[in-house]
Every structure is written in structure tokens, then in C-alpha cells.
Amino acid sequence: MTVIDRQIYAELQETAGAEFVTELVQAFLEDAPVQLRELARAAEAGDALALRRAAHTLKSNGNTFGATAFADLARALEQGSNPGGETLATQLRTLDLAYAEAAAALTGLSHA
């Protein structure tokens, strides 16, 4: 499985224009770490609403760029599901790793 679904990314470029997509990617790269920190804070505080809100934002943004694996992980957190039986801490670490992969792939695509 690829980190970024190239068809979704290409369709976004066709619809919004390559230059604007580059700006969107930059905004995502700046905002996602903030949302990931919010997820961690919400998990630590037991704030389910804040956790769902941050996970929803990450899911939506990931889907926009074709980062489907990242978006699926965020969706599981948003819905409170745990398909692999992992702890919340493990889910958050997995999401962080998926973000790092998606960020690297998006950076490469937006500079191509």
C-alpha cells in the first residue's frame, strides 16, 4: 500500500491547481503536529470530545490528500474503535508514525 493515494492527490491538483495544493500541503504540515499534540493531551486528560475533534480534523485532512492509511487511523480514534485491540497510547504512536510517513510523501509530491 502506498502512503499517498496518487489518484486522490492528482484529482485534488486537477480540481484546485498544483500551486494551491502545495499551499494546502504546507498548511497541513504545520497544523497536523498541533492536532497530534492535542490528541495526546486529550487522551491524557480523558477528554473524549477534544480527542474526537482533533481526530476528526486529522482524518478529514488526511483524506483530502489521499493519506488514506493515516486517515483510517485517525477515523478509528475519532470513532473510539480499536480494531487491533491496541492501547490508546499505541494507537497514538501509530498515528504519529503514519503522519511522519504521510508528511514525507506529501513533501516529495508537492515539490515534484
PDB file of N, CA and C in Angstrom:
ATOM      1  N   MET A   1       0.847  -1.179   0.000  1.00  0.00           N
ATOM      2  CA  MET A   1       0.000   0.000   0.000  1.00  0.00           C
ATOM      3  C   MET A   1       0.895   1.246   0.000  1.00  0.00           C
ATOM      4  N   THR A   2       0.514   2.214  -0.801  1.00  0.00           N
ATOM      5  CA  THR A   2       1.278   3.447  -0.836  1.00  0.00           C
ATOM      6  C   THR A   2       0.805   4.374   0.280  1.00  0.00           C
ATOM      7  N   VAL A   3       1.686   5.250   0.686  1.00  0.00           N
ATOM      8  CA  VAL A   3       1.375   6.186   1.766  1.00  0.00           C
ATOM      9  C   VAL A   3       0.331   7.203   1.300  1.00  0.00           C
ATOM     10  N   ILE A   4       0.465   7.650   0.054  1.00  0.00           N
ATOM     11  CA  ILE A   4      -0.469   8.622  -0.531  1.00  0.00           C
ATOM     12  C   ILE A   4      -1.121   7.984  -1.752  1.00  0.00           C
ATOM     13  N   ASP A   5      -2.436   8.015  -1.803  1.00  0.00           N
ATOM     14  CA  ASP A   5      -3.160   7.525  -2.965  1.00  0.00           C
ATOM     15  C   ASP A   5      -2.955   8.560  -4.072  1.00  0.00           C
ATOM     16  N   ARG A   6      -2.167   8.195  -5.056  1.00  0.00           N
ATOM     17  CA  ARG A   6      -1.779   9.144  -6.113  1.00  0.00           C
ATOM     18  C   ARG A   6      -2.978   9.645  -6.913  1.00  0.00           C
ATOM     19  N   GLN A   7      -3.989   8.807  -7.074  1.00  0.00           N
ATOM     20  CA  GLN A   7      -5.169   9.237  -7.836  1.00  0.00           C
ATOM     21  C   GLN A   7      -5.903  10.354  -7.093  1.00  0.00           C
ATOM     22  N   ILE A   8      -6.082  10.196  -5.790  1.00  0.00           N
ATOM     23  CA  ILE A   8      -6.749  11.234  -4.999  1.00  0.00           C
ATOM     24  C   ILE A   8      -5.939  12.524  -5.048  1.00  0.00           C
ATOM     25  N   TYR A   9      -4.624  12.404  -4.896  1.00  0.00           N
ATOM     26  CA  TYR A   9      -3.757  13.580  -4.917  1.00  0.00           C
ATOM     27  C   TYR A   9      -3.818  14.274  -6.282  1.00  0.00           C
ATOM     28  N   ALA A  10      -3.784  13.484  -7.353  1.00  0.00           N
ATOM     29  CA  ALA A  10      -3.844  14.059  -8.707  1.00  0.00           C
ATOM     30  C   ALA A  10      -5.181  14.747  -8.948  1.00  0.00           C
ATOM     31  N   GLU A  11      -6.266  14.130  -8.472  1.00  0.00           N
ATOM     32  CA  GLU A  11      -7.580  14.756  -8.630  1.00  0.00           C
ATOM     33  C   GLU A  11      -7.656  16.074  -7.869  1.00  0.00           C
ATOM     34  N   LEU A  12      -7.048  16.120  -6.693  1.00  0.00           N
ATOM     35  CA  LEU A  12      -7.014  17.367  -5.933  1.00  0.00           C
ATOM     36  C   LEU A  12      -6.248  18.436  -6.706  1.00  0.00           C
ATOM     37  N   GLN A  13      -5.122  18.062  -7.297  1.00  0.00           N
ATOM     38  CA  GLN A  13      -4.355  19.015  -8.087  1.00  0.00           C
ATOM     39  C   GLN A  13      -5.143  19.511  -9.293  1.00  0.00           C
ATOM     40  N   GLU A  14      -5.865  18.599  -9.950  1.00  0.00           N
ATOM     41  CA  GLU A  14      -6.670  18.986 -11.107  1.00  0.00           C
ATOM     42  C   GLU A  14      -7.776  19.954 -10.700  1.00  0.00           C
ATOM     43  N   THR A  15      -8.389  19.680  -9.568  1.00  0.00           N
ATOM     44  CA  THR A  15      -9.514  20.490  -9.111  1.00  0.00           C
ATOM     45  C   THR A  15      -9.066  21.835  -8.558  1.00  0.00           C
ATOM     46  N   ALA A  16      -8.032  21.816  -7.718  1.00  0.00           N
ATOM     47  CA  ALA A  16      -7.628  23.032  -7.000  1.00  0.00           C
ATOM     48  C   ALA A  16      -6.428  23.735  -7.624  1.00  0.00           C
ATOM     49  N   GLY A  17      -5.682  23.038  -8.460  1.00  0.00           N
ATOM     50  CA  GLY A  17      -4.471  23.603  -9.032  1.00  0.00           C
ATOM     51  C   GLY A  17      -3.252  23.215  -8.209  1.00  0.00           C
ATOM     52  N   ALA A  18      -2.173  22.885  -8.887  1.00  0.00           N
ATOM     53  CA  ALA A  18      -0.969  22.387  -8.225  1.00  0.00           C
ATOM     54  C   ALA A  18      -0.396  23.382  -7.215  1.00  0.00           C
ATOM     55  N   GLU A  19      -0.400  24.659  -7.582  1.00  0.00           N
ATOM     56  CA  GLU A  19       0.165  25.670  -6.682  1.00  0.00           C
ATOM     57  C   GLU A  19      -0.642  25.771  -5.381  1.00  0.00           C
ATOM     58  N   PHE A  20      -1.967  25.752  -5.494  1.00  0.00           N
ATOM     59  CA  PHE A  20      -2.809  25.835  -4.308  1.00  0.00           C
ATOM     60  C   PHE A  20      -2.665  24.572  -3.457  1.00  0.00           C
ATOM     61  N   VAL A  21      -2.527  23.419  -4.107  1.00  0.00           N
ATOM     62  CA  VAL A  21      -2.343  22.172  -3.362  1.00  0.00           C
ATOM     63  C   VAL A  21      -1.042  22.233  -2.569  1.00  0.00           C
ATOM     64  N   THR A  22      -0.004  22.813  -3.142  1.00  0.00           N
ATOM     65  CA  THR A  22       1.257  22.970  -2.413  1.00  0.00           C
ATOM     66  C   THR A  22       1.035  23.819  -1.160  1.00  0.00           C
ATOM     67  N   GLU A  23       0.240  24.872  -1.272  1.00  0.00           N
ATOM     68  CA  GLU A  23      -0.083  25.696  -0.104  1.00  0.00           C
ATOM     69  C   GLU A  23      -0.899  24.905   0.919  1.00  0.00           C
ATOM     70  N   LEU A  24      -1.838  24.100   0.439  1.00  0.00           N
ATOM     71  CA  LEU A  24      -2.642  23.271   1.339  1.00  0.00           C
ATOM     72  C   LEU A  24      -1.778  22.258   2.073  1.00  0.00           C
ATOM     73  N   VAL A  25      -0.850  21.652   1.354  1.00  0.00           N
ATOM     74  CA  VAL A  25       0.063  20.685   1.980  1.00  0.00           C
ATOM     75  C   VAL A  25       0.868  21.381   3.067  1.00  0.00           C
ATOM     76  N   GLN A  26       1.379  22.562   2.782  1.00  0.00           N
ATOM     77  CA  GLN A  26       2.160  23.297   3.786  1.00  0.00           C
ATOM     78  C   GLN A  26       1.312  23.584   5.021  1.00  0.00           C
ATOM     79  N   ALA A  27       0.074  23.991   4.825  1.00  0.00           N
ATOM     80  CA  ALA A  27      -0.818  24.252   5.963  1.00  0.00           C
ATOM     81  C   ALA A  27      -1.052  22.973   6.763  1.00  0.00           C
ATOM     82  N   PHE A  28      -1.237  21.852   6.077  1.00  0.00           N
ATOM     83  CA  PHE A  28      -1.416  20.564   6.752  1.00  0.00           C
ATOM     84  C   PHE A  28      -0.174  20.206   7.555  1.00  0.00           C
ATOM     85  N   LEU A  29       0.994  20.406   6.967  1.00  0.00           N
ATOM     86  CA  LEU A  29       2.242  20.067   7.654  1.00  0.00           C
ATOM     87  C   LEU A  29       2.459  20.933   8.891  1.00  0.00           C
ATOM     88  N   GLU A  30       1.923  22.122   8.900  1.00  0.00           N
ATOM     89  CA  GLU A  30       2.021  22.997  10.062  1.00  0.00           C
ATOM     90  C   GLU A  30       0.949  22.679  11.102  1.00  0.00           C
ATOM     91  N   ASP A  31      -0.257  22.334  10.645  1.00  0.00           N
ATOM     92  CA  ASP A  31      -1.384  22.120  11.558  1.00  0.00           C
ATOM     93  C   ASP A  31      -1.425  20.721  12.164  1.00  0.00           C
ATOM     94  N   ALA A  32      -1.066  19.716  11.395  1.00  0.00           N
ATOM     95  CA  ALA A  32      -1.195  18.339  11.887  1.00  0.00           C
ATOM     96  C   ALA A  32      -0.417  18.087  13.180  1.00  0.00           C
ATOM     97  N   PRO A  33       0.825  18.565  13.314  1.00  0.00           N
ATOM     98  CA  PRO A  33       1.518  18.340  14.590  1.00  0.00           C
ATOM     99  C   PRO A  33       0.788  18.973  15.781  1.00  0.00           C
ATOM    100  N   VAL A  34       0.136  20.105  15.552  1.00  0.00           N
ATOM    101  CA  VAL A  34      -0.655  20.747  16.605  1.00  0.00           C
ATOM    102  C   VAL A  34      -1.825  19.833  16.976  1.00  0.00           C
ATOM    103  N   GLN A  35      -2.499  19.288  15.980  1.00  0.00           N
ATOM    104  CA  GLN A  35      -3.625  18.389  16.224  1.00  0.00           C
ATOM    105  C   GLN A  35      -3.170  17.098  16.896  1.00  0.00           C
ATOM    106  N   LEU A  36      -1.998  16.592  16.511  1.00  0.00           N
ATOM    107  CA  LEU A  36      -1.466  15.376  17.142  1.00  0.00           C
ATOM    108  C   LEU A  36      -1.150  15.627  18.615  1.00  0.00           C
ATOM    109  N   ARG A  37      -0.612  16.797  18.928  1.00  0.00           N
ATOM    110  CA  ARG A  37      -0.351  17.141  20.335  1.00  0.00           C
ATOM    111  C   ARG A  37      -1.661  17.276  21.099  1.00  0.00           C
ATOM    112  N   GLU A  38      -2.674  17.852  20.451  1.00  0.00           N
ATOM    113  CA  GLU A  38      -3.991  17.983  21.077  1.00  0.00           C
ATOM    114  C   GLU A  38      -4.581  16.602  21.359  1.00  0.00           C
ATOM    115  N   LEU A  39      -4.418  15.686  20.433  1.00  0.00           N
ATOM    116  CA  LEU A  39      -4.874  14.310  20.651  1.00  0.00           C
ATOM    117  C   LEU A  39      -4.212  13.717  21.895  1.00  0.00           C
ATOM    118  N   ALA A  40      -2.905  13.876  21.990  1.00  0.00           N
ATOM    119  CA  ALA A  40      -2.181  13.325  23.135  1.00  0.00           C
ATOM    120  C   ALA A  40      -2.642  13.967  24.441  1.00  0.00           C
ATOM    121  N   ARG A  41      -2.813  15.292  24.435  1.00  0.00           N
ATOM    122  CA  ARG A  41      -3.291  15.985  25.641  1.00  0.00           C
ATOM    123  C   ARG A  41      -4.692  15.510  26.023  1.00  0.00           C
ATOM    124  N   ALA A  42      -5.548  15.396  25.026  1.00  0.00           N
ATOM    125  CA  ALA A  42      -6.923  14.963  25.285  1.00  0.00           C
ATOM    126  C   ALA A  42      -6.944  13.537  25.832  1.00  0.00           C
ATOM    127  N   ALA A  43      -6.109  12.672  25.284  1.00  0.00           N
ATOM    128  CA  ALA A  43      -6.048  11.292  25.766  1.00  0.00           C
ATOM    129  C   ALA A  43      -5.582  11.258  27.211  1.00  0.00           C
ATOM    130  N   GLU A  44      -4.554  12.034  27.508  1.00  0.00           N
ATOM    131  CA  GLU A  44      -4.017  12.080  28.865  1.00  0.00           C
ATOM    132  C   GLU A  44      -5.044  12.628  29.855  1.00  0.00           C
ATOM    133  N   ALA A  45      -5.822  13.611  29.422  1.00  0.00           N
ATOM    134  CA  ALA A  45      -6.812  14.239  30.293  1.00  0.00           C
ATOM    135  C   ALA A  45      -8.138  13.473  30.319  1.00  0.00           C
ATOM    136  N   GLY A  46      -8.266  12.471  29.444  1.00  0.00           N
ATOM    137  CA  GLY A  46      -9.528  11.746  29.375  1.00  0.00           C
ATOM    138  C   GLY A  46     -10.648  12.563  28.758  1.00  0.00           C
ATOM    139  N   ASP A  47     -10.285  13.527  27.912  1.00  0.00           N
ATOM    140  CA  ASP A  47     -11.259  14.410  27.269  1.00  0.00           C
ATOM    141  C   ASP A  47     -11.663  13.812  25.920  1.00  0.00           C
ATOM    142  N   ALA A  48     -12.724  13.009  25.944  1.00  0.00           N
ATOM    143  CA  ALA A  48     -13.157  12.307  24.738  1.00  0.00           C
ATOM    144  C   ALA A  48     -13.601  13.263  23.634  1.00  0.00           C
ATOM    145  N   LEU A  49     -14.253  14.357  24.001  1.00  0.00           N
ATOM    146  CA  LEU A  49     -14.726  15.306  22.992  1.00  0.00           C
ATOM    147  C   LEU A  49     -13.552  15.950  22.256  1.00  0.00           C
ATOM    148  N   ALA A  50     -12.545  16.415  22.990  1.00  0.00           N
ATOM    149  CA  ALA A  50     -11.373  17.030  22.359  1.00  0.00           C
ATOM    150  C   ALA A  50     -10.613  16.004  21.520  1.00  0.00           C
ATOM    151  N   LEU A  51     -10.563  14.772  21.991  1.00  0.00           N
ATOM    152  CA  LEU A  51      -9.888  13.718  21.245  1.00  0.00           C
ATOM    153  C   LEU A  51     -10.616  13.473  19.925  1.00  0.00           C
ATOM    154  N   ARG A  52     -11.937  13.350  19.964  1.00  0.00           N
ATOM    155  CA  ARG A  52     -12.702  13.128  18.732  1.00  0.00           C
ATOM    156  C   ARG A  52     -12.561  14.305  17.770  1.00  0.00           C
ATOM    157  N   ARG A  53     -12.559  15.515  18.309  1.00  0.00           N
ATOM    158  CA  ARG A  53     -12.453  16.705  17.457  1.00  0.00           C
ATOM    159  C   ARG A  53     -11.113  16.726  16.710  1.00  0.00           C
ATOM    160  N   ALA A  54     -10.025  16.502  17.433  1.00  0.00           N
ATOM    161  CA  ALA A  54      -8.703  16.502  16.800  1.00  0.00           C
ATOM    162  C   ALA A  54      -8.578  15.344  15.810  1.00  0.00           C
ATOM    163  N   ALA A  55      -9.080  14.176  16.190  1.00  0.00           N
ATOM    164  CA  ALA A  55      -9.009  13.018  15.299  1.00  0.00           C
ATOM    165  C   ALA A  55      -9.823  13.263  14.030  1.00  0.00           C
ATOM    166  N   HIS A  56     -10.979  13.908  14.172  1.00  0.00           N
ATOM    167  CA  HIS A  56     -11.818  14.221  13.010  1.00  0.00           C
ATOM    168  C   HIS A  56     -11.074  15.145  12.040  1.00  0.00           C
ATOM    169  N   THR A  57     -10.432  16.171  12.577  1.00  0.00           N
ATOM    170  CA  THR A  57      -9.678  17.106  11.731  1.00  0.00           C
ATOM    171  C   THR A  57      -8.569  16.386  10.988  1.00  0.00           C
ATOM    172  N   LEU A  58      -7.829  15.540  11.703  1.00  0.00           N
ATOM    173  CA  LEU A  58      -6.731  14.801  11.074  1.00  0.00           C
ATOM    174  C   LEU A  58      -7.260  13.840  10.008  1.00  0.00           C
ATOM    175  N   LYS A  59      -8.353  13.162  10.308  1.00  0.00           N
ATOM    176  CA  LYS A  59      -8.968  12.231   9.349  1.00  0.00           C
ATOM    177  C   LYS A  59      -9.362  12.975   8.076  1.00  0.00           C
ATOM    178  N   SER A  60     -10.056  14.073   8.245  1.00  0.00           N
ATOM    179  CA  SER A  60     -10.527  14.836   7.088  1.00  0.00           C
ATOM    180  C   SER A  60      -9.370  15.344   6.247  1.00  0.00           C
ATOM    181  N   ASN A  61      -8.360  15.894   6.902  1.00  0.00           N
ATOM    182  CA  ASN A  61      -7.207  16.405   6.159  1.00  0.00           C
ATOM    183  C   ASN A  61      -6.444  15.285   5.471  1.00  0.00           C
ATOM    184  N   GLY A  62      -6.277  14.172   6.149  1.00  0.00           N
ATOM    185  CA  GLY A  62      -5.593  13.035   5.527  1.00  0.00           C
ATOM    186  C   GLY A  62      -6.327  12.555   4.284  1.00  0.00           C
ATOM    187  N   ASN A  63      -7.650  12.454   4.378  1.00  0.00           N
ATOM    188  CA  ASN A  63      -8.434  12.020   3.225  1.00  0.00           C
ATOM    189  C   ASN A  63      -8.323  12.999   2.067  1.00  0.00           C
ATOM    190  N   THR A  64      -8.259  14.283   2.365  1.00  0.00           N
ATOM    191  CA  THR A  64      -8.140  15.302   1.320  1.00  0.00           C
ATOM    192  C   THR A  64      -6.934  15.051   0.430  1.00  0.00           C
ATOM    193  N   PHE A  65      -5.816  14.655   1.039  1.00  0.00           N
ATOM    194  CA  PHE A  65      -4.569  14.476   0.298  1.00  0.00           C
ATOM    195  C   PHE A  65      -4.325  13.046  -0.160  1.00  0.00           C
ATOM    196  N   GLY A  66      -5.225  12.137   0.178  1.00  0.00           N
ATOM    197  CA  GLY A  66      -5.027  10.747  -0.206  1.00  0.00           C
ATOM    198  C   GLY A  66      -4.160   9.970   0.763  1.00  0.00           C
ATOM    199  N   ALA A  67      -3.961  10.503   1.963  1.00  0.00           N
ATOM    200  CA  ALA A  67      -3.207   9.799   3.006  1.00  0.00           C
ATOM    201  C   ALA A  67      -4.185   8.870   3.732  1.00  0.00           C
ATOM    202  N   THR A  68      -4.621   7.842   3.017  1.00  0.00           N
ATOM    203  CA  THR A  68      -5.740   7.034   3.485  1.00  0.00           C
ATOM    204  C   THR A  68      -5.404   6.195   4.713  1.00  0.00           C
ATOM    205  N   ALA A  69      -4.207   5.655   4.805  1.00  0.00           N
ATOM    206  CA  ALA A  69      -3.855   4.860   5.991  1.00  0.00           C
ATOM    207  C   ALA A  69      -3.845   5.762   7.233  1.00  0.00           C
ATOM    208  N   PHE A  70      -3.266   6.935   7.100  1.00  0.00           N
ATOM    209  CA  PHE A  70      -3.254   7.918   8.188  1.00  0.00           C
ATOM    210  C   PHE A  70      -4.684   8.291   8.564  1.00  0.00           C
ATOM    211  N   ALA A  71      -5.513   8.566   7.564  1.00  0.00           N
ATOM    212  CA  ALA A  71      -6.905   8.953   7.806  1.00  0.00           C
ATOM    213  C   ALA A  71      -7.678   7.824   8.483  1.00  0.00           C
ATOM    214  N   ASP A  72      -7.410   6.588   8.082  1.00  0.00           N
ATOM    215  CA  ASP A  72      -8.103   5.449   8.697  1.00  0.00           C
ATOM    216  C   ASP A  72      -7.750   5.312  10.171  1.00  0.00           C
ATOM    217  N   LEU A  73      -6.491   5.555  10.510  1.00  0.00           N
ATOM    218  CA  LEU A  73      -6.072   5.502  11.917  1.00  0.00           C
ATOM    219  C   LEU A  73      -6.753   6.606  12.721  1.00  0.00           C
ATOM    220  N   ALA A  74      -6.821   7.796  12.133  1.00  0.00           N
ATOM    221  CA  ALA A  74      -7.490   8.911  12.803  1.00  0.00           C
ATOM    222  C   ALA A  74      -8.983   8.628  12.949  1.00  0.00           C
ATOM    223  N   ARG A  75      -9.579   8.014  11.940  1.00  0.00           N
ATOM    224  CA  ARG A  75     -11.006   7.668  11.996  1.00  0.00           C
ATOM    225  C   ARG A  75     -11.274   6.709  13.156  1.00  0.00           C
ATOM    226  N   ALA A  76     -10.420   5.729  13.330  1.00  0.00           N
ATOM    227  CA  ALA A  76     -10.595   4.775  14.433  1.00  0.00           C
ATOM    228  C   ALA A  76     -10.572   5.501  15.774  1.00  0.00           C
ATOM    229  N   LEU A  77      -9.672   6.461  15.922  1.00  0.00           N
ATOM    230  CA  LEU A  77      -9.618   7.247  17.158  1.00  0.00           C
ATOM    231  C   LEU A  77     -10.860   8.103  17.312  1.00  0.00           C
ATOM    232  N   GLU A  78     -11.306   8.700  16.221  1.00  0.00           N
ATOM    233  CA  GLU A  78     -12.498   9.545  16.257  1.00  0.00           C
ATOM    234  C   GLU A  78     -13.714   8.736  16.702  1.00  0.00           C
ATOM    235  N   GLN A  79     -13.819   7.526  16.203  1.00  0.00           N
ATOM    236  CA  GLN A  79     -14.979   6.688  16.494  1.00  0.00           C
ATOM    237  C   GLN A  79     -14.833   5.902  17.796  1.00  0.00           C
ATOM    238  N   GLY A  80     -13.652   5.996  18.397  1.00  0.00           N
ATOM    239  CA  GLY A  80     -13.424   5.255  19.633  1.00  0.00           C
ATOM    240  C   GLY A  80     -13.276   3.769  19.410  1.00  0.00           C
ATOM    241  N   SER A  81     -13.016   3.388  18.161  1.00  0.00           N
ATOM    242  CA  SER A  81     -12.852   1.963  17.868  1.00  0.00           C
ATOM    243  C   SER A  81     -11.391   1.574  18.011  1.00  0.00           C
ATOM    244  N   ASN A  82     -11.184   0.307  18.229  1.00  0.00           N
ATOM    245  CA  ASN A  82      -9.846  -0.215  18.434  1.00  0.00           C
ATOM    246  C   ASN A  82      -9.770  -1.592  17.789  1.00  0.00           C
ATOM    247  N   PRO A  83      -9.698  -1.612  16.449  1.00  0.00           N
ATOM    248  CA  PRO A  83      -9.784  -2.892  15.741  1.00  0.00           C
ATOM    249  C   PRO A  83      -8.658  -3.867  16.077  1.00  0.00           C
ATOM    250  N   GLY A  84      -7.500  -3.377  16.445  1.00  0.00           N
ATOM    251  CA  GLY A  84      -6.379  -4.264  16.743  1.00  0.00           C
ATOM    252  C   GLY A  84      -6.227  -4.580  18.217  1.00  0.00           C
ATOM    253  N   GLY A  85      -7.115  -4.048  19.050  1.00  0.00           N
ATOM    254  CA  GLY A  85      -7.020  -4.286  20.479  1.00  0.00           C
ATOM    255  C   GLY A  85      -5.836  -3.578  21.133  1.00  0.00           C
ATOM    256  N   GLU A  86      -5.331  -2.529  20.476  1.00  0.00           N
ATOM    257  CA  GLU A  86      -4.166  -1.802  20.994  1.00  0.00           C
ATOM    258  C   GLU A  86      -4.594  -0.795  22.060  1.00  0.00           C
ATOM    259  N   THR A  87      -3.640  -0.425  22.888  1.00  0.00           N
ATOM    260  CA  THR A  87      -3.912   0.620  23.870  1.00  0.00           C
ATOM    261  C   THR A  87      -4.033   1.957  23.141  1.00  0.00           C
ATOM    262  N   LEU A  88      -4.641   2.924  23.798  1.00  0.00           N
ATOM    263  CA  LEU A  88      -4.754   4.257  23.209  1.00  0.00           C
ATOM    264  C   LEU A  88      -3.367   4.832  22.941  1.00  0.00           C
ATOM    265  N   ALA A  89      -2.437   4.608  23.849  1.00  0.00           N
ATOM    266  CA  ALA A  89      -1.070   5.108  23.659  1.00  0.00           C
ATOM    267  C   ALA A  89      -0.443   4.509  22.404  1.00  0.00           C
ATOM    268  N   THR A  90      -0.675   3.236  22.167  1.00  0.00           N
ATOM    269  CA  THR A  90      -0.140   2.588  20.971  1.00  0.00           C
ATOM    270  C   THR A  90      -0.800   3.153  19.719  1.00  0.00           C
ATOM    271  N   GLN A  91      -2.114   3.372  19.778  1.00  0.00           N
ATOM    272  CA  GLN A  91      -2.807   3.969  18.635  1.00  0.00           C
ATOM    273  C   GLN A  91      -2.245   5.350  18.323  1.00  0.00           C
ATOM    274  N   LEU A  92      -1.967   6.132  19.345  1.00  0.00           N
ATOM    275  CA  LEU A  92      -1.415   7.473  19.130  1.00  0.00           C
ATOM    276  C   LEU A  92      -0.021   7.401  18.522  1.00  0.00           C
ATOM    277  N   ARG A  93       0.809   6.483  18.995  1.00  0.00           N
ATOM    278  CA  ARG A  93       2.154   6.321  18.420  1.00  0.00           C
ATOM    279  C   ARG A  93       2.065   5.887  16.958  1.00  0.00           C
ATOM    280  N   THR A  94       1.158   4.973  16.673  1.00  0.00           N
ATOM    281  CA  THR A  94       0.985   4.506  15.301  1.00  0.00           C
ATOM    282  C   THR A  94       0.528   5.654  14.404  1.00  0.00           C
ATOM    283  N   LEU A  95      -0.370   6.480  14.905  1.00  0.00           N
ATOM    284  CA  LEU A  95      -0.826   7.643  14.142  1.00  0.00           C
ATOM    285  C   LEU A  95       0.326   8.622  13.912  1.00  0.00           C
ATOM    286  N   ASP A  96       1.153   8.840  14.923  1.00  0.00           N
ATOM    287  CA  ASP A  96       2.321   9.719  14.770  1.00  0.00           C
ATOM    288  C   ASP A  96       3.248   9.204  13.669  1.00  0.00           C
ATOM    289  N   LEU A  97       3.501   7.905  13.665  1.00  0.00           N
ATOM    290  CA  LEU A  97       4.369   7.313  12.636  1.00  0.00           C
ATOM    291  C   LEU A  97       3.741   7.439  11.252  1.00  0.00           C
ATOM    292  N   ALA A  98       2.434   7.208  11.173  1.00  0.00           N
ATOM    293  CA  ALA A  98       1.741   7.343   9.890  1.00  0.00           C
ATOM    294  C   ALA A  98       1.794   8.789   9.401  1.00  0.00           C
ATOM    295  N   TYR A  99       1.688   9.735  10.346  1.00  0.00           N
ATOM    296  CA  TYR A  99       1.795  11.144   9.954  1.00  0.00           C
ATOM    297  C   TYR A  99       3.189  11.424   9.386  1.00  0.00           C
ATOM    298  N   ALA A 100       4.226  10.932  10.051  1.00  0.00           N
ATOM    299  CA  ALA A 100       5.593  11.174   9.577  1.00  0.00           C
ATOM    300  C   ALA A 100       5.772  10.646   8.155  1.00  0.00           C
ATOM    301  N   GLU A 101       5.231   9.466   7.885  1.00  0.00           N
ATOM    302  CA  GLU A 101       5.324   8.901   6.536  1.00  0.00           C
ATOM    303  C   GLU A 101       4.530   9.742   5.537  1.00  0.00           C
ATOM    304  N   ALA A 102       3.320  10.125   5.913  1.00  0.00           N
ATOM    305  CA  ALA A 102       2.491  10.929   5.021  1.00  0.00           C
ATOM    306  C   ALA A 102       3.132  12.293   4.760  1.00  0.00           C
ATOM    307  N   ALA A 103       3.678  12.902   5.804  1.00  0.00           N
ATOM    308  CA  ALA A 103       4.318  14.217   5.660  1.00  0.00           C
ATOM    309  C   ALA A 103       5.492  14.135   4.691  1.00  0.00           C
ATOM    310  N   ALA A 104       6.308  13.097   4.831  1.00  0.00           N
ATOM    311  CA  ALA A 104       7.450  12.939   3.935  1.00  0.00           C
ATOM    312  C   ALA A 104       6.989  12.736   2.495  1.00  0.00           C
ATOM    313  N   ALA A 105       5.971  11.905   2.310  1.00  0.00           N
ATOM    314  CA  ALA A 105       5.471  11.641   0.962  1.00  0.00           C
ATOM    315  C   ALA A 105       4.844  12.897   0.356  1.00  0.00           C
ATOM    316  N   LEU A 106       4.048  13.625   1.157  1.00  0.00           N
ATOM    317  CA  LEU A 106       3.422  14.845   0.648  1.00  0.00           C
ATOM    318  C   LEU A 106       4.455  15.912   0.314  1.00  0.00           C
ATOM    319  N   THR A 107       5.485  16.008   1.120  1.00  0.00           N
ATOM    320  CA  THR A 107       6.558  16.973   0.840  1.00  0.00           C
ATOM    321  C   THR A 107       7.205  16.645  -0.501  1.00  0.00           C
ATOM    322  N   GLY A 108       7.458  15.368  -0.728  1.00  0.00           N
ATOM    323  CA  GLY A 108       8.042  14.955  -2.000  1.00  0.00           C
ATOM    324  C   GLY A 108       7.134  15.250  -3.177  1.00  0.00           C
ATOM    325  N   LEU A 109       5.853  14.981  -3.019  1.00  0.00           N
ATOM    326  CA  LEU A 109       4.899  15.230  -4.096  1.00  0.00           C
ATOM    327  C   LEU A 109       4.702  16.707  -4.383  1.00  0.00           C
ATOM    328  N   SER A 110       4.661  17.512  -3.329  1.00  0.00           N
ATOM    329  CA  SER A 110       4.391  18.932  -3.540  1.00  0.00           C
ATOM    330  C   SER A 110       5.606  19.670  -4.095  1.00  0.00           C
ATOM    331  N   HIS A 111       6.770  19.034  -4.037  1.00  0.00           N
ATOM    332  CA  HIS A 111       7.984  19.659  -4.575  1.00  0.00           C
ATOM    333  C   HIS A 111       8.391  19.011  -5.896  1.00  0.00           C
ATOM    334  N   ALA A 112       7.568  18.090  -6.367  1.00  0.00           N
ATOM    335  CA  ALA A 112       7.919  17.374  -7.611  1.00  0.00           C
ATOM    336  C   ALA A 112       7.559  18.206  -8.833  1.00  0.00           C
TER     337      ALA A 112
END
